[in-house]
Amino acid sequence: MNNQASGHSAPSGAEASGRKSEWPRFLLLAFVGLPVAMTLAIAAYGFIVWFLQILFFGPPS
């Protein structure tokens, strides 16, 4: 089957080296980016709850 007709092409040297550079990006995202993003999201949620308790709801009783 012709690769051009099927829409698939054999990986070239540029694509193969591009795939190798995906691993460091994935590891950086998985072990640095997402934990930092989740920590910021949890901190933002805590700040919002704290702020709403100060302005409207008061401390839990």
N, C-alpha and C. Protein backbone atom coordinates (compact mmCIF):
# COMPACT_ATOMS: atom_id res chain seq x y z
N MET A 1 0.85 -1.17 0.00
CA MET A 1 0.00 0.00 0.00
C MET A 1 0.90 1.24 0.00
N ASN A 2 0.48 2.24 -0.72
CA ASN A 2 1.23 3.48 -0.80
C ASN A 2 1.00 4.30 0.47
N ASN A 3 2.07 4.73 1.11
CA ASN A 3 1.95 5.48 2.36
C ASN A 3 1.25 6.82 2.16
N GLN A 4 1.46 7.45 1.00
CA GLN A 4 0.82 8.74 0.75
C GLN A 4 -0.67 8.56 0.57
N ALA A 5 -1.09 7.49 -0.07
CA ALA A 5 -2.51 7.27 -0.30
C ALA A 5 -3.25 6.96 1.00
N SER A 6 -2.59 6.28 1.94
CA SER A 6 -3.26 5.92 3.18
C SER A 6 -3.26 7.04 4.20
N GLY A 7 -2.49 8.09 3.94
CA GLY A 7 -2.43 9.18 4.87
C GLY A 7 -1.38 8.99 5.94
N HIS A 8 -0.68 7.88 5.92
CA HIS A 8 0.38 7.61 6.89
C HIS A 8 1.72 7.72 6.19
N SER A 9 2.69 8.19 6.92
CA SER A 9 4.03 8.25 6.35
C SER A 9 5.01 7.60 7.32
N ALA A 10 6.06 7.09 6.78
CA ALA A 10 7.08 6.49 7.63
C ALA A 10 7.78 7.59 8.42
N PRO A 11 8.13 7.32 9.69
CA PRO A 11 8.79 8.35 10.47
C PRO A 11 10.15 8.71 9.88
N SER A 12 10.36 9.98 9.73
CA SER A 12 11.63 10.44 9.20
C SER A 12 12.57 10.73 10.36
N GLY A 13 13.78 11.14 10.05
CA GLY A 13 14.76 11.44 11.09
C GLY A 13 14.32 12.58 11.98
N ALA A 14 13.67 13.59 11.41
CA ALA A 14 13.20 14.73 12.19
C ALA A 14 12.08 14.32 13.15
N GLU A 15 11.18 13.46 12.67
CA GLU A 15 10.08 13.02 13.53
C GLU A 15 10.60 12.12 14.63
N ALA A 16 11.57 11.27 14.33
CA ALA A 16 12.11 10.38 15.35
C ALA A 16 12.82 11.18 16.44
N SER A 17 13.57 12.20 16.07
CA SER A 17 14.23 13.02 17.08
C SER A 17 13.20 13.86 17.83
N GLY A 18 12.11 14.22 17.17
CA GLY A 18 11.04 14.96 17.84
C GLY A 18 10.37 14.12 18.91
N ARG A 19 10.23 12.83 18.64
CA ARG A 19 9.63 11.95 19.64
C ARG A 19 10.55 11.78 20.84
N LYS A 20 11.84 11.77 20.60
CA LYS A 20 12.77 11.65 21.72
C LYS A 20 12.70 12.88 22.61
N SER A 21 12.43 14.03 22.04
CA SER A 21 12.35 15.24 22.86
C SER A 21 11.00 15.36 23.57
N GLU A 22 10.06 14.47 23.27
CA GLU A 22 8.78 14.50 23.97
C GLU A 22 8.92 13.99 25.40
N TRP A 23 9.81 13.04 25.65
CA TRP A 23 9.95 12.48 26.99
C TRP A 23 10.36 13.52 28.03
N PRO A 24 11.39 14.34 27.78
CA PRO A 24 11.71 15.35 28.79
C PRO A 24 10.56 16.33 29.02
N ARG A 25 9.84 16.68 27.96
CA ARG A 25 8.69 17.57 28.12
C ARG A 25 7.61 16.92 28.95
N PHE A 26 7.34 15.65 28.68
CA PHE A 26 6.32 14.93 29.45
C PHE A 26 6.71 14.83 30.91
N LEU A 27 7.96 14.47 31.19
CA LEU A 27 8.40 14.32 32.57
C LEU A 27 8.38 15.66 33.30
N LEU A 28 8.78 16.72 32.62
CA LEU A 28 8.72 18.05 33.23
C LEU A 28 7.29 18.43 33.56
N LEU A 29 6.38 18.17 32.64
CA LEU A 29 4.98 18.48 32.87
C LEU A 29 4.41 17.62 33.99
N ALA A 30 4.72 16.32 33.98
CA ALA A 30 4.12 15.40 34.94
C ALA A 30 4.64 15.62 36.36
N PHE A 31 5.93 15.93 36.50
CA PHE A 31 6.51 15.98 37.84
C PHE A 31 6.81 17.39 38.32
N VAL A 32 6.65 18.40 37.48
CA VAL A 32 6.85 19.79 37.91
C VAL A 32 5.61 20.62 37.60
N GLY A 33 5.18 20.62 36.36
CA GLY A 33 4.09 21.50 35.95
C GLY A 33 2.77 21.19 36.63
N LEU A 34 2.35 19.94 36.60
CA LEU A 34 1.05 19.61 37.19
C LEU A 34 1.03 19.74 38.71
N PRO A 35 2.07 19.30 39.43
CA PRO A 35 2.05 19.54 40.89
C PRO A 35 2.01 21.03 41.24
N VAL A 36 2.74 21.85 40.51
CA VAL A 36 2.71 23.30 40.77
C VAL A 36 1.31 23.84 40.47
N ALA A 37 0.73 23.43 39.36
CA ALA A 37 -0.61 23.91 39.01
C ALA A 37 -1.65 23.48 40.04
N MET A 38 -1.57 22.24 40.51
CA MET A 38 -2.53 21.76 41.51
C MET A 38 -2.33 22.46 42.85
N THR A 39 -1.08 22.72 43.22
CA THR A 39 -0.82 23.46 44.47
C THR A 39 -1.40 24.86 44.38
N LEU A 40 -1.21 25.52 43.26
CA LEU A 40 -1.78 26.86 43.09
C LEU A 40 -3.31 26.82 43.10
N ALA A 41 -3.90 25.79 42.49
CA ALA A 41 -5.36 25.69 42.47
C ALA A 41 -5.91 25.48 43.88
N ILE A 42 -5.26 24.62 44.67
CA ILE A 42 -5.71 24.37 46.04
C ILE A 42 -5.52 25.62 46.90
N ALA A 43 -4.39 26.32 46.71
CA ALA A 43 -4.16 27.56 47.45
C ALA A 43 -5.20 28.61 47.09
N ALA A 44 -5.56 28.70 45.81
CA ALA A 44 -6.57 29.66 45.39
C ALA A 44 -7.93 29.32 45.99
N TYR A 45 -8.27 28.04 46.03
CA TYR A 45 -9.53 27.62 46.64
C TYR A 45 -9.54 27.97 48.13
N GLY A 46 -8.44 27.71 48.82
CA GLY A 46 -8.35 28.04 50.24
C GLY A 46 -8.47 29.54 50.47
N PHE A 47 -7.84 30.32 49.62
CA PHE A 47 -7.94 31.77 49.74
C PHE A 47 -9.37 32.24 49.53
N ILE A 48 -10.05 31.67 48.56
CA ILE A 48 -11.44 32.06 48.29
C ILE A 48 -12.33 31.73 49.48
N VAL A 49 -12.15 30.54 50.06
CA VAL A 49 -12.95 30.15 51.22
C VAL A 49 -12.65 31.09 52.39
N TRP A 50 -11.38 31.38 52.63
CA TRP A 50 -10.97 32.27 53.71
C TRP A 50 -11.58 33.66 53.51
N PHE A 51 -11.48 34.16 52.29
CA PHE A 51 -11.99 35.49 51.98
C PHE A 51 -13.50 35.55 52.18
N LEU A 52 -14.23 34.52 51.73
CA LEU A 52 -15.68 34.49 51.90
C LEU A 52 -16.06 34.39 53.38
N GLN A 53 -15.26 33.67 54.17
CA GLN A 53 -15.55 33.60 55.60
C GLN A 53 -15.36 34.95 56.26
N ILE A 54 -14.36 35.69 55.83
CA ILE A 54 -14.14 37.02 56.41
C ILE A 54 -15.29 37.96 56.04
N LEU A 55 -15.71 37.95 54.78
CA LEU A 55 -16.70 38.93 54.33
C LEU A 55 -18.13 38.54 54.62
N PHE A 56 -18.49 37.28 54.43
CA PHE A 56 -19.91 36.93 54.45
C PHE A 56 -20.30 35.90 55.50
N PHE A 57 -19.60 34.82 55.59
CA PHE A 57 -20.12 33.66 56.32
C PHE A 57 -19.60 33.51 57.73
N GLY A 58 -18.48 34.08 58.05
CA GLY A 58 -17.90 33.91 59.37
C GLY A 58 -17.22 32.56 59.48
N PRO A 59 -16.51 32.33 60.56
CA PRO A 59 -15.82 31.06 60.74
C PRO A 59 -16.82 29.92 60.96
N PRO A 60 -16.42 28.70 60.65
CA PRO A 60 -17.33 27.58 60.90
C PRO A 60 -17.55 27.42 62.40
N SER A 61 -18.76 27.07 62.76
CA SER A 61 -19.06 26.94 64.20
C SER A 61 -19.59 25.57 64.53
